[in-house]
């Protein structure tokens, strides 16, 4: 994570990064929920609300997992206040993960 006067930049997080998420590897929806829960915990530590997220980048190992990721992603945001998002296919993610998420949050 990098902080400046205006933004918090959270680098790509994957379920393989944290031991509690290991059991979800291989399921795009479960990985998305696990990574977003971690992002939520980081935001709580920074005392920032989810609606402060302005940009998200999602990397999927297989773009065919888009619908599963998207359904889990939509659960994370209150009142359908979605940030700008880019979703791309990235064949080789760390630890065999299916989903990697990066975000920029206004402070």
PDB file of N, CA and C in Angstrom:
ATOM      1  N   UNK A   1       0.843  -1.165   0.000  1.00  0.00           N
ATOM      2  CA  UNK A   1       0.000   0.000   0.000  1.00  0.00           C
ATOM      3  C   UNK A   1       0.895   1.237   0.000  1.00  0.00           C
ATOM      4  N   UNK A   2       0.446   2.229  -0.741  1.00  0.00           N
ATOM      5  CA  UNK A   2       1.126   3.525  -0.774  1.00  0.00           C
ATOM      6  C   UNK A   2       0.089   4.592  -0.446  1.00  0.00           C
ATOM      7  N   UNK A   3       0.461   5.507   0.441  1.00  0.00           N
ATOM      8  CA  UNK A   3      -0.423   6.611   0.807  1.00  0.00           C
ATOM      9  C   UNK A   3       0.212   7.918   0.373  1.00  0.00           C
ATOM     10  N   UNK A   4      -0.604   8.817  -0.174  1.00  0.00           N
ATOM     11  CA  UNK A   4      -0.157  10.191  -0.368  1.00  0.00           C
ATOM     12  C   UNK A   4      -1.210  11.096   0.272  1.00  0.00           C
ATOM     13  N   UNK A   5      -1.123  12.380   0.051  1.00  0.00           N
ATOM     14  CA  UNK A   5      -2.050  13.306   0.700  1.00  0.00           C
ATOM     15  C   UNK A   5      -3.505  13.102   0.289  1.00  0.00           C
ATOM     16  N   UNK A   6      -3.720  12.547  -0.923  1.00  0.00           N
ATOM     17  CA  UNK A   6      -5.079  12.453  -1.435  1.00  0.00           C
ATOM     18  C   UNK A   6      -5.608  11.033  -1.602  1.00  0.00           C
ATOM     19  N   UNK A   7      -4.708  10.056  -1.780  1.00  0.00           N
ATOM     20  CA  UNK A   7      -5.152   8.708  -2.115  1.00  0.00           C
ATOM     21  C   UNK A   7      -4.390   7.633  -1.348  1.00  0.00           C
ATOM     22  N   UNK A   8      -5.058   6.495  -1.207  1.00  0.00           N
ATOM     23  CA  UNK A   8      -4.424   5.251  -0.778  1.00  0.00           C
ATOM     24  C   UNK A   8      -4.436   4.342  -2.002  1.00  0.00           C
ATOM     25  N   UNK A   9      -3.293   3.795  -2.341  1.00  0.00           N
ATOM     26  CA  UNK A   9      -3.160   2.895  -3.477  1.00  0.00           C
ATOM     27  C   UNK A   9      -2.898   1.493  -2.928  1.00  0.00           C
ATOM     28  N   UNK A  10      -3.846   0.582  -3.136  1.00  0.00           N
ATOM     29  CA  UNK A  10      -3.697  -0.790  -2.663  1.00  0.00           C
ATOM     30  C   UNK A  10      -3.267  -1.641  -3.844  1.00  0.00           C
ATOM     31  N   UNK A  11      -2.063  -2.197  -3.740  1.00  0.00           N
ATOM     32  CA  UNK A  11      -1.532  -2.993  -4.835  1.00  0.00           C
ATOM     33  C   UNK A  11      -2.279  -4.309  -4.939  1.00  0.00           C
ATOM     34  N   UNK A  12      -2.040  -5.019  -6.022  1.00  0.00           N
ATOM     35  CA  UNK A  12      -2.777  -6.230  -6.316  1.00  0.00           C
ATOM     36  C   UNK A  12      -2.781  -7.239  -5.181  1.00  0.00           C
ATOM     37  N   UNK A  13      -3.972  -7.587  -4.729  1.00  0.00           N
ATOM     38  CA  UNK A  13      -4.153  -8.587  -3.681  1.00  0.00           C
ATOM     39  C   UNK A  13      -4.787  -9.830  -4.293  1.00  0.00           C
ATOM     40  N   UNK A  14      -4.288 -10.980  -3.886  1.00  0.00           N
ATOM     41  CA  UNK A  14      -4.854 -12.255  -4.330  1.00  0.00           C
ATOM     42  C   UNK A  14      -5.102 -13.122  -3.104  1.00  0.00           C
ATOM     43  N   UNK A  15      -5.979 -14.101  -3.237  1.00  0.00           N
ATOM     44  CA  UNK A  15      -6.302 -14.983  -2.109  1.00  0.00           C
ATOM     45  C   UNK A  15      -5.083 -15.771  -1.643  1.00  0.00           C
ATOM     46  N   UNK A  16      -4.122 -16.016  -2.510  1.00  0.00           N
ATOM     47  CA  UNK A  16      -2.915 -16.756  -2.129  1.00  0.00           C
ATOM     48  C   UNK A  16      -2.012 -15.941  -1.215  1.00  0.00           C
ATOM     49  N   UNK A  17      -2.265 -14.628  -1.090  1.00  0.00           N
ATOM     50  CA  UNK A  17      -1.439 -13.762  -0.249  1.00  0.00           C
ATOM     51  C   UNK A  17      -1.667 -13.968   1.237  1.00  0.00           C
ATOM     52  N   UNK A  18      -2.799 -14.505   1.630  1.00  0.00           N
ATOM     53  CA  UNK A  18      -3.110 -14.603   3.051  1.00  0.00           C
ATOM     54  C   UNK A  18      -3.599 -16.005   3.386  1.00  0.00           C
ATOM     55  N   UNK A  19      -3.073 -16.574   4.478  1.00  0.00           N
ATOM     56  CA  UNK A  19      -3.381 -17.961   4.834  1.00  0.00           C
ATOM     57  C   UNK A  19      -4.873 -18.263   4.961  1.00  0.00           C
ATOM     58  N   UNK A  20      -5.658 -17.336   5.493  1.00  0.00           N
ATOM     59  CA  UNK A  20      -7.088 -17.597   5.669  1.00  0.00           C
ATOM     60  C   UNK A  20      -7.794 -17.784   4.333  1.00  0.00           C
ATOM     61  N   UNK A  21      -7.197 -17.290   3.248  1.00  0.00           N
ATOM     62  CA  UNK A  21      -7.835 -17.393   1.941  1.00  0.00           C
ATOM     63  C   UNK A  21      -7.447 -18.619   1.151  1.00  0.00           C
ATOM     64  N   UNK A  22      -6.506 -19.409   1.661  1.00  0.00           N
ATOM     65  CA  UNK A  22      -6.018 -20.532   0.877  1.00  0.00           C
ATOM     66  C   UNK A  22      -7.107 -21.523   0.504  1.00  0.00           C
ATOM     67  N   UNK A  23      -8.086 -21.718   1.366  1.00  0.00           N
ATOM     68  CA  UNK A  23      -9.119 -22.695   1.072  1.00  0.00           C
ATOM     69  C   UNK A  23     -10.062 -22.245  -0.050  1.00  0.00           C
ATOM     70  N   UNK A  24      -9.985 -20.980  -0.452  1.00  0.00           N
ATOM     71  CA  UNK A  24     -10.874 -20.501  -1.513  1.00  0.00           C
ATOM     72  C   UNK A  24     -10.203 -20.514  -2.879  1.00  0.00           C
ATOM     73  N   UNK A  25      -8.928 -20.846  -2.949  1.00  0.00           N
ATOM     74  CA  UNK A  25      -8.250 -20.856  -4.242  1.00  0.00           C
ATOM     75  C   UNK A  25      -8.963 -21.781  -5.211  1.00  0.00           C
ATOM     76  N   UNK A  26      -9.140 -21.292  -6.430  1.00  0.00           N
ATOM     77  CA  UNK A  26      -9.783 -22.101  -7.462  1.00  0.00           C
ATOM     78  C   UNK A  26     -11.238 -21.752  -7.694  1.00  0.00           C
ATOM     79  N   UNK A  27     -11.821 -20.919  -6.857  1.00  0.00           N
ATOM     80  CA  UNK A  27     -13.217 -20.498  -7.004  1.00  0.00           C
ATOM     81  C   UNK A  27     -13.213 -18.980  -7.144  1.00  0.00           C
ATOM     82  N   UNK A  28     -13.503 -18.484  -8.341  1.00  0.00           N
ATOM     83  CA  UNK A  28     -13.393 -17.043  -8.615  1.00  0.00           C
ATOM     84  C   UNK A  28     -14.287 -16.208  -7.705  1.00  0.00           C
ATOM     85  N   UNK A  29     -15.493 -16.641  -7.441  1.00  0.00           N
ATOM     86  CA  UNK A  29     -16.397 -15.871  -6.581  1.00  0.00           C
ATOM     87  C   UNK A  29     -15.866 -15.837  -5.150  1.00  0.00           C
ATOM     88  N   UNK A  30     -15.441 -16.982  -4.631  1.00  0.00           N
ATOM     89  CA  UNK A  30     -14.920 -17.036  -3.266  1.00  0.00           C
ATOM     90  C   UNK A  30     -13.629 -16.231  -3.140  1.00  0.00           C
ATOM     91  N   UNK A  31     -12.762 -16.304  -4.143  1.00  0.00           N
ATOM     92  CA  UNK A  31     -11.534 -15.512  -4.117  1.00  0.00           C
ATOM     93  C   UNK A  31     -11.857 -14.020  -4.132  1.00  0.00           C
ATOM     94  N   UNK A  32     -12.820 -13.622  -4.946  1.00  0.00           N
ATOM     95  CA  UNK A  32     -13.217 -12.214  -5.012  1.00  0.00           C
ATOM     96  C   UNK A  32     -13.714 -11.746  -3.652  1.00  0.00           C
ATOM     97  N   UNK A  33     -14.575 -12.529  -3.021  1.00  0.00           N
ATOM     98  CA  UNK A  33     -15.091 -12.166  -1.693  1.00  0.00           C
ATOM     99  C   UNK A  33     -13.958 -12.059  -0.672  1.00  0.00           C
ATOM    100  N   UNK A  34     -13.004 -12.995  -0.710  1.00  0.00           N
ATOM    101  CA  UNK A  34     -11.899 -12.994   0.249  1.00  0.00           C
ATOM    102  C   UNK A  34     -11.002 -11.774   0.059  1.00  0.00           C
ATOM    103  N   UNK A  35     -10.689 -11.459  -1.185  1.00  0.00           N
ATOM    104  CA  UNK A  35      -9.829 -10.304  -1.450  1.00  0.00           C
ATOM    105  C   UNK A  35     -10.558  -9.015  -1.070  1.00  0.00           C
ATOM    106  N   UNK A  36     -11.821  -8.896  -1.420  1.00  0.00           N
ATOM    107  CA  UNK A  36     -12.567  -7.693  -1.062  1.00  0.00           C
ATOM    108  C   UNK A  36     -12.748  -7.559   0.450  1.00  0.00           C
ATOM    109  N   UNK A  37     -12.875  -8.671   1.156  1.00  0.00           N
ATOM    110  CA  UNK A  37     -12.951  -8.611   2.623  1.00  0.00           C
ATOM    111  C   UNK A  37     -11.646  -8.057   3.186  1.00  0.00           C
ATOM    112  N   UNK A  38     -10.529  -8.460   2.623  1.00  0.00           N
ATOM    113  CA  UNK A  38      -9.236  -7.935   3.056  1.00  0.00           C
ATOM    114  C   UNK A  38      -9.128  -6.450   2.741  1.00  0.00           C
ATOM    115  N   UNK A  39      -9.585  -6.058   1.559  1.00  0.00           N
ATOM    116  CA  UNK A  39      -9.598  -4.634   1.212  1.00  0.00           C
ATOM    117  C   UNK A  39     -10.482  -3.873   2.203  1.00  0.00           C
ATOM    118  N   UNK A  40     -11.622  -4.439   2.549  1.00  0.00           N
ATOM    119  CA  UNK A  40     -12.496  -3.813   3.540  1.00  0.00           C
ATOM    120  C   UNK A  40     -11.799  -3.637   4.882  1.00  0.00           C
ATOM    121  N   UNK A  41     -11.037  -4.646   5.308  1.00  0.00           N
ATOM    122  CA  UNK A  41     -10.293  -4.553   6.569  1.00  0.00           C
ATOM    123  C   UNK A  41      -9.240  -3.442   6.508  1.00  0.00           C
ATOM    124  N   UNK A  42      -8.564  -3.329   5.380  1.00  0.00           N
ATOM    125  CA  UNK A  42      -7.556  -2.274   5.206  1.00  0.00           C
ATOM    126  C   UNK A  42      -8.230  -0.902   5.256  1.00  0.00           C
ATOM    127  N   UNK A  43      -9.370  -0.775   4.581  1.00  0.00           N
ATOM    128  CA  UNK A  43     -10.097   0.495   4.594  1.00  0.00           C
ATOM    129  C   UNK A  43     -10.542   0.846   6.009  1.00  0.00           C
ATOM    130  N   UNK A  44     -10.986  -0.157   6.761  1.00  0.00           N
ATOM    131  CA  UNK A  44     -11.381   0.086   8.158  1.00  0.00           C
ATOM    132  C   UNK A  44     -10.197   0.617   8.968  1.00  0.00           C
ATOM    133  N   UNK A  45      -9.022   0.018   8.778  1.00  0.00           N
ATOM    134  CA  UNK A  45      -7.823   0.491   9.479  1.00  0.00           C
ATOM    135  C   UNK A  45      -7.496   1.940   9.128  1.00  0.00           C
ATOM    136  N   UNK A  46      -7.737   2.300   7.870  1.00  0.00           N
ATOM    137  CA  UNK A  46      -7.461   3.661   7.409  1.00  0.00           C
ATOM    138  C   UNK A  46      -8.623   4.612   7.693  1.00  0.00           C
ATOM    139  N   UNK A  47      -9.702   4.080   8.260  1.00  0.00           N
ATOM    140  CA  UNK A  47     -10.926   4.839   8.526  1.00  0.00           C
ATOM    141  C   UNK A  47     -11.499   5.463   7.250  1.00  0.00           C
ATOM    142  N   UNK A  48     -11.545   4.622   6.210  1.00  0.00           N
ATOM    143  CA  UNK A  48     -12.100   5.042   4.927  1.00  0.00           C
ATOM    144  C   UNK A  48     -13.286   4.153   4.572  1.00  0.00           C
ATOM    145  N   UNK A  49     -14.341   4.760   4.074  1.00  0.00           N
ATOM    146  CA  UNK A  49     -15.534   4.018   3.671  1.00  0.00           C
ATOM    147  C   UNK A  49     -15.347   3.426   2.275  1.00  0.00           C
ATOM    148  N   UNK A  50     -16.093   2.397   1.982  1.00  0.00           N
ATOM    149  CA  UNK A  50     -16.022   1.743   0.671  1.00  0.00           C
ATOM    150  C   UNK A  50     -16.373   2.694  -0.463  1.00  0.00           C
ATOM    151  N   UNK A  51     -17.247   3.660  -0.182  1.00  0.00           N
ATOM    152  CA  UNK A  51     -17.632   4.589  -1.250  1.00  0.00           C
ATOM    153  C   UNK A  51     -16.509   5.570  -1.596  1.00  0.00           C
ATOM    154  N   UNK A  52     -15.380   5.480  -0.899  1.00  0.00           N
ATOM    155  CA  UNK A  52     -14.201   6.303  -1.215  1.00  0.00           C
ATOM    156  C   UNK A  52     -13.323   5.639  -2.285  1.00  0.00           C
ATOM    157  N   UNK A  53     -13.622   4.381  -2.617  1.00  0.00           N
ATOM    158  CA  UNK A  53     -12.878   3.703  -3.680  1.00  0.00           C
ATOM    159  C   UNK A  53     -13.281   4.338  -5.007  1.00  0.00           C
ATOM    160  N   UNK A  54     -12.296   4.826  -5.746  1.00  0.00           N
ATOM    161  CA  UNK A  54     -12.602   5.505  -7.007  1.00  0.00           C
ATOM    162  C   UNK A  54     -12.244   4.684  -8.235  1.00  0.00           C
ATOM    163  N   UNK A  55     -11.297   3.758  -8.111  1.00  0.00           N
ATOM    164  CA  UNK A  55     -10.892   2.955  -9.262  1.00  0.00           C
ATOM    165  C   UNK A  55     -10.456   1.581  -8.798  1.00  0.00           C
ATOM    166  N   UNK A  56     -10.880   0.572  -9.540  1.00  0.00           N
ATOM    167  CA  UNK A  56     -10.530  -0.815  -9.257  1.00  0.00           C
ATOM    168  C   UNK A  56     -10.032  -1.458 -10.541  1.00  0.00           C
ATOM    169  N   UNK A  57      -8.983  -2.257 -10.409  1.00  0.00           N
ATOM    170  CA  UNK A  57      -8.508  -3.080 -11.520  1.00  0.00           C
ATOM    171  C   UNK A  57      -8.618  -4.527 -11.081  1.00  0.00           C
ATOM    172  N   UNK A  58      -9.321  -5.325 -11.874  1.00  0.00           N
ATOM    173  CA  UNK A  58      -9.482  -6.741 -11.579  1.00  0.00           C
ATOM    174  C   UNK A  58      -8.778  -7.530 -12.675  1.00  0.00           C
ATOM    175  N   UNK A  59      -7.895  -8.415 -12.252  1.00  0.00           N
ATOM    176  CA  UNK A  59      -7.218  -9.332 -13.170  1.00  0.00           C
ATOM    177  C   UNK A  59      -7.797 -10.712 -12.935  1.00  0.00           C
ATOM    178  N   UNK A  60      -8.247 -11.339 -13.995  1.00  0.00           N
ATOM    179  CA  UNK A  60      -8.780 -12.694 -13.922  1.00  0.00           C
ATOM    180  C   UNK A  60      -7.862 -13.628 -14.692  1.00  0.00           C
ATOM    181  N   UNK A  61      -7.567 -14.776 -14.131  1.00  0.00           N
ATOM    182  CA  UNK A  61      -6.759 -15.762 -14.838  1.00  0.00           C
ATOM    183  C   UNK A  61      -7.511 -16.272 -16.065  1.00  0.00           C
ATOM    184  N   UNK A  62      -8.837 -16.252 -15.998  1.00  0.00           N
ATOM    185  CA  UNK A  62      -9.679 -16.700 -17.110  1.00  0.00           C
ATOM    186  C   UNK A  62     -10.880 -15.763 -17.197  1.00  0.00           C
ATOM    187  N   UNK A  63     -10.992 -15.034 -18.276  1.00  0.00           N
ATOM    188  CA  UNK A  63     -12.079 -14.071 -18.440  1.00  0.00           C
ATOM    189  C   UNK A  63     -13.458 -14.739 -18.419  1.00  0.00           C
ATOM    190  N   UNK A  64     -13.494 -16.055 -18.600  1.00  0.00           N
ATOM    191  CA  UNK A  64     -14.766 -16.778 -18.484  1.00  0.00           C
ATOM    192  C   UNK A  64     -15.312 -16.737 -17.057  1.00  0.00           C
ATOM    193  N   UNK A  65     -14.478 -16.362 -16.080  1.00  0.00           N
ATOM    194  CA  UNK A  65     -14.921 -16.235 -14.692  1.00  0.00           C
ATOM    195  C   UNK A  65     -15.515 -14.859 -14.393  1.00  0.00           C
ATOM    196  N   UNK A  66     -15.701 -14.033 -15.419  1.00  0.00           N
ATOM    197  CA  UNK A  66     -16.173 -12.665 -15.202  1.00  0.00           C
ATOM    198  C   UNK A  66     -17.500 -12.622 -14.445  1.00  0.00           C
ATOM    199  N   UNK A  67     -18.486 -13.406 -14.860  1.00  0.00           N
ATOM    200  CA  UNK A  67     -19.807 -13.337 -14.228  1.00  0.00           C
ATOM    201  C   UNK A  67     -19.756 -13.720 -12.753  1.00  0.00           C
ATOM    202  N   UNK A  68     -18.993 -14.753 -12.405  1.00  0.00           N
ATOM    203  CA  UNK A  68     -18.861 -15.166 -11.007  1.00  0.00           C
ATOM    204  C   UNK A  68     -18.169 -14.075 -10.195  1.00  0.00           C
ATOM    205  N   UNK A  69     -17.089 -13.516 -10.748  1.00  0.00           N
ATOM    206  CA  UNK A  69     -16.383 -12.428 -10.060  1.00  0.00           C
ATOM    207  C   UNK A  69     -17.302 -11.236  -9.894  1.00  0.00           C
ATOM    208  N   UNK A  70     -18.004 -10.862 -10.958  1.00  0.00           N
ATOM    209  CA  UNK A  70     -18.843  -9.670 -10.943  1.00  0.00           C
ATOM    210  C   UNK A  70     -19.975  -9.785  -9.915  1.00  0.00           C
ATOM    211  N   UNK A  71     -20.575 -10.943  -9.795  1.00  0.00           N
ATOM    212  CA  UNK A  71     -21.653 -11.137  -8.815  1.00  0.00           C
ATOM    213  C   UNK A  71     -21.110 -10.952  -7.392  1.00  0.00           C
ATOM    214  N   UNK A  72     -19.951 -11.516  -7.101  1.00  0.00           N
ATOM    215  CA  UNK A  72     -19.349 -11.366  -5.773  1.00  0.00           C
ATOM    216  C   UNK A  72     -18.894  -9.925  -5.550  1.00  0.00           C
ATOM    217  N   UNK A  73     -18.359  -9.301  -6.573  1.00  0.00           N
ATOM    218  CA  UNK A  73     -17.890  -7.910  -6.507  1.00  0.00           C
ATOM    219  C   UNK A  73     -19.045  -6.977  -6.132  1.00  0.00           C
ATOM    220  N   UNK A  74     -20.202  -7.177  -6.740  1.00  0.00           N
ATOM    221  CA  UNK A  74     -21.361  -6.309  -6.498  1.00  0.00           C
ATOM    222  C   UNK A  74     -21.866  -6.407  -5.063  1.00  0.00           C
ATOM    223  N   UNK A  75     -21.623  -7.525  -4.387  1.00  0.00           N
ATOM    224  CA  UNK A  75     -22.034  -7.687  -2.986  1.00  0.00           C
ATOM    225  C   UNK A  75     -21.269  -6.746  -2.053  1.00  0.00           C
ATOM    226  N   UNK A  76     -20.069  -6.342  -2.462  1.00  0.00           N
ATOM    227  CA  UNK A  76     -19.167  -5.566  -1.603  1.00  0.00           C
ATOM    228  C   UNK A  76     -19.573  -4.100  -1.467  1.00  0.00           C
ATOM    229  N   UNK A  77     -20.230  -3.557  -2.483  1.00  0.00           N
ATOM    230  CA  UNK A  77     -20.506  -2.122  -2.517  1.00  0.00           C
ATOM    231  C   UNK A  77     -21.941  -1.810  -2.103  1.00  0.00           C
ATOM    232  N   UNK A  78     -22.072  -0.860  -1.173  1.00  0.00           N
ATOM    233  CA  UNK A  78     -23.377  -0.430  -0.690  1.00  0.00           C
ATOM    234  C   UNK A  78     -24.033   0.508  -1.702  1.00  0.00           C
ATOM    235  N   UNK A  79     -25.337   0.432  -1.784  1.00  0.00           N
ATOM    236  CA  UNK A  79     -26.118   1.372  -2.598  1.00  0.00           C
ATOM    237  C   UNK A  79     -25.673   1.438  -4.047  1.00  0.00           C
ATOM    238  N   UNK A  80     -25.087   0.358  -4.529  1.00  0.00           N
ATOM    239  CA  UNK A  80     -24.667   0.301  -5.934  1.00  0.00           C
ATOM    240  C   UNK A  80     -23.759   1.469  -6.327  1.00  0.00           C
ATOM    241  N   UNK A  81     -22.967   1.944  -5.379  1.00  0.00           N
ATOM    242  CA  UNK A  81     -22.008   3.029  -5.631  1.00  0.00           C
ATOM    243  C   UNK A  81     -20.704   2.411  -6.106  1.00  0.00           C
ATOM    244  N   UNK A  82     -20.695   1.980  -7.372  1.00  0.00           N
ATOM    245  CA  UNK A  82     -19.539   1.279  -7.912  1.00  0.00           C
ATOM    246  C   UNK A  82     -18.486   2.262  -8.414  1.00  0.00           C
ATOM    247  N   UNK A  83     -17.219   1.968  -8.123  1.00  0.00           N
ATOM    248  CA  UNK A  83     -16.138   2.792  -8.678  1.00  0.00           C
ATOM    249  C   UNK A  83     -15.901   2.432 -10.145  1.00  0.00           C
ATOM    250  N   UNK A  84     -15.093   3.242 -10.814  1.00  0.00           N
ATOM    251  CA  UNK A  84     -14.656   2.884 -12.161  1.00  0.00           C
ATOM    252  C   UNK A  84     -13.887   1.574 -12.060  1.00  0.00           C
ATOM    253  N   UNK A  85     -14.061   0.701 -13.051  1.00  0.00           N
ATOM    254  CA  UNK A  85     -13.401  -0.612 -12.980  1.00  0.00           C
ATOM    255  C   UNK A  85     -12.911  -1.037 -14.354  1.00  0.00           C
ATOM    256  N   UNK A  86     -11.738  -1.626 -14.348  1.00  0.00           N
ATOM    257  CA  UNK A  86     -11.186  -2.274 -15.523  1.00  0.00           C
ATOM    258  C   UNK A  86     -11.014  -3.743 -15.165  1.00  0.00           C
ATOM    259  N   UNK A  87     -11.431  -4.626 -16.046  1.00  0.00           N
ATOM    260  CA  UNK A  87     -11.257  -6.056 -15.837  1.00  0.00           C
ATOM    261  C   UNK A  87     -10.524  -6.631 -17.041  1.00  0.00           C
ATOM    262  N   UNK A  88      -9.432  -7.337 -16.771  1.00  0.00           N
ATOM    263  CA  UNK A  88      -8.629  -7.917 -17.848  1.00  0.00           C
ATOM    264  C   UNK A  88      -8.289  -9.360 -17.517  1.00  0.00           C
ATOM    265  N   UNK A  89      -7.912 -10.099 -18.546  1.00  0.00           N
ATOM    266  CA  UNK A  89      -7.437 -11.461 -18.349  1.00  0.00           C
ATOM    267  C   UNK A  89      -5.921 -11.429 -18.204  1.00  0.00           C
ATOM    268  N   UNK A  90      -5.443 -12.045 -17.130  1.00  0.00           N
ATOM    269  CA  UNK A  90      -4.008 -12.179 -16.865  1.00  0.00           C
ATOM    270  C   UNK A  90      -3.763 -13.652 -16.544  1.00  0.00           C
ATOM    271  N   UNK A  91      -3.195 -14.352 -17.464  1.00  0.00           N
ATOM    272  CA  UNK A  91      -3.108 -15.817 -17.385  1.00  0.00           C
ATOM    273  C   UNK A  91      -2.406 -16.370 -16.153  1.00  0.00           C
ATOM    274  N   UNK A  92      -1.365 -15.710 -15.666  1.00  0.00           N
ATOM    275  CA  UNK A  92      -0.588 -16.284 -14.561  1.00  0.00           C
ATOM    276  C   UNK A  92      -0.582 -15.342 -13.367  1.00  0.00           C
ATOM    277  N   UNK A  93      -1.481 -15.595 -12.415  1.00  0.00           N
ATOM    278  CA  UNK A  93      -1.541 -14.805 -11.194  1.00  0.00           C
ATOM    279  C   UNK A  93      -0.813 -15.540 -10.073  1.00  0.00           C
ATOM    280  N   UNK A  94      -0.344 -14.794  -9.101  1.00  0.00           N
ATOM    281  CA  UNK A  94       0.444 -15.344  -8.004  1.00  0.00           C
ATOM    282  C   UNK A  94      -0.272 -16.497  -7.305  1.00  0.00           C
ATOM    283  N   UNK A  95       0.480 -17.554  -7.036  1.00  0.00           N
ATOM    284  CA  UNK A  95      -0.011 -18.664  -6.230  1.00  0.00           C
ATOM    285  C   UNK A  95      -1.141 -19.465  -6.842  1.00  0.00           C
ATOM    286  N   UNK A  96      -1.333 -19.344  -8.147  1.00  0.00           N
ATOM    287  CA  UNK A  96      -2.430 -20.059  -8.784  1.00  0.00           C
ATOM    288  C   UNK A  96      -3.789 -19.416  -8.552  1.00  0.00           C
ATOM    289  N   UNK A  97      -3.780 -18.172  -8.123  1.00  0.00           N
ATOM    290  CA  UNK A  97      -5.037 -17.450  -7.899  1.00  0.00           C
ATOM    291  C   UNK A  97      -5.783 -17.243  -9.207  1.00  0.00           C
ATOM    292  N   UNK A  98      -7.091 -17.088  -9.096  1.00  0.00           N
ATOM    293  CA  UNK A  98      -7.924 -16.780 -10.259  1.00  0.00           C
ATOM    294  C   UNK A  98      -8.237 -15.295 -10.347  1.00  0.00           C
ATOM    295  N   UNK A  99      -8.113 -14.564  -9.215  1.00  0.00           N
ATOM    296  CA  UNK A  99      -8.531 -13.165  -9.150  1.00  0.00           C
ATOM    297  C   UNK A  99      -7.457 -12.343  -8.432  1.00  0.00           C
ATOM    298  N   UNK A 100      -7.128 -11.190  -9.004  1.00  0.00           N
ATOM    299  CA  UNK A 100      -6.257 -10.207  -8.348  1.00  0.00           C
ATOM    300  C   UNK A 100      -6.946  -8.852  -8.434  1.00  0.00           C
ATOM    301  N   UNK A 101      -6.948  -8.112  -7.330  1.00  0.00           N
ATOM    302  CA  UNK A 101      -7.648  -6.822  -7.294  1.00  0.00           C
ATOM    303  C   UNK A 101      -6.711  -5.751  -6.761  1.00  0.00           C
ATOM    304  N   UNK A 102      -6.689  -4.627  -7.468  1.00  0.00           N
ATOM    305  CA  UNK A 102      -5.934  -3.438  -7.114  1.00  0.00           C
ATOM    306  C   UNK A 102      -6.953  -2.301  -7.015  1.00  0.00           C
ATOM    307  N   UNK A 103      -6.750  -1.360  -6.086  1.00  0.00           N
ATOM    308  CA  UNK A 103      -7.686  -0.238  -6.051  1.00  0.00           C
ATOM    309  C   UNK A 103      -7.027   1.060  -5.582  1.00  0.00           C
ATOM    310  N   UNK A 104      -7.688   2.123  -5.940  1.00  0.00           N
ATOM    311  CA  UNK A 104      -7.288   3.477  -5.556  1.00  0.00           C
ATOM    312  C   UNK A 104      -8.438   4.071  -4.744  1.00  0.00           C
ATOM    313  N   UNK A 105      -8.106   4.617  -3.570  1.00  0.00           N
ATOM    314  CA  UNK A 105      -9.124   5.093  -2.639  1.00  0.00           C
ATOM    315  C   UNK A 105      -8.847   6.546  -2.274  1.00  0.00           C
ATOM    316  N   UNK A 106      -9.859   7.395  -2.424  1.00  0.00           N
ATOM    317  CA  UNK A 106      -9.716   8.808  -2.053  1.00  0.00           C
ATOM    318  C   UNK A 106      -9.705   8.944  -0.532  1.00  0.00           C
ATOM    319  N   UNK A 107      -8.730   9.670  -0.001  1.00  0.00           N
ATOM    320  CA  UNK A 107      -8.612   9.842   1.458  1.00  0.00           C
ATOM    321  C   UNK A 107      -9.432  11.025   1.927  1.00  0.00           C
TER     322      UNK A 107
END
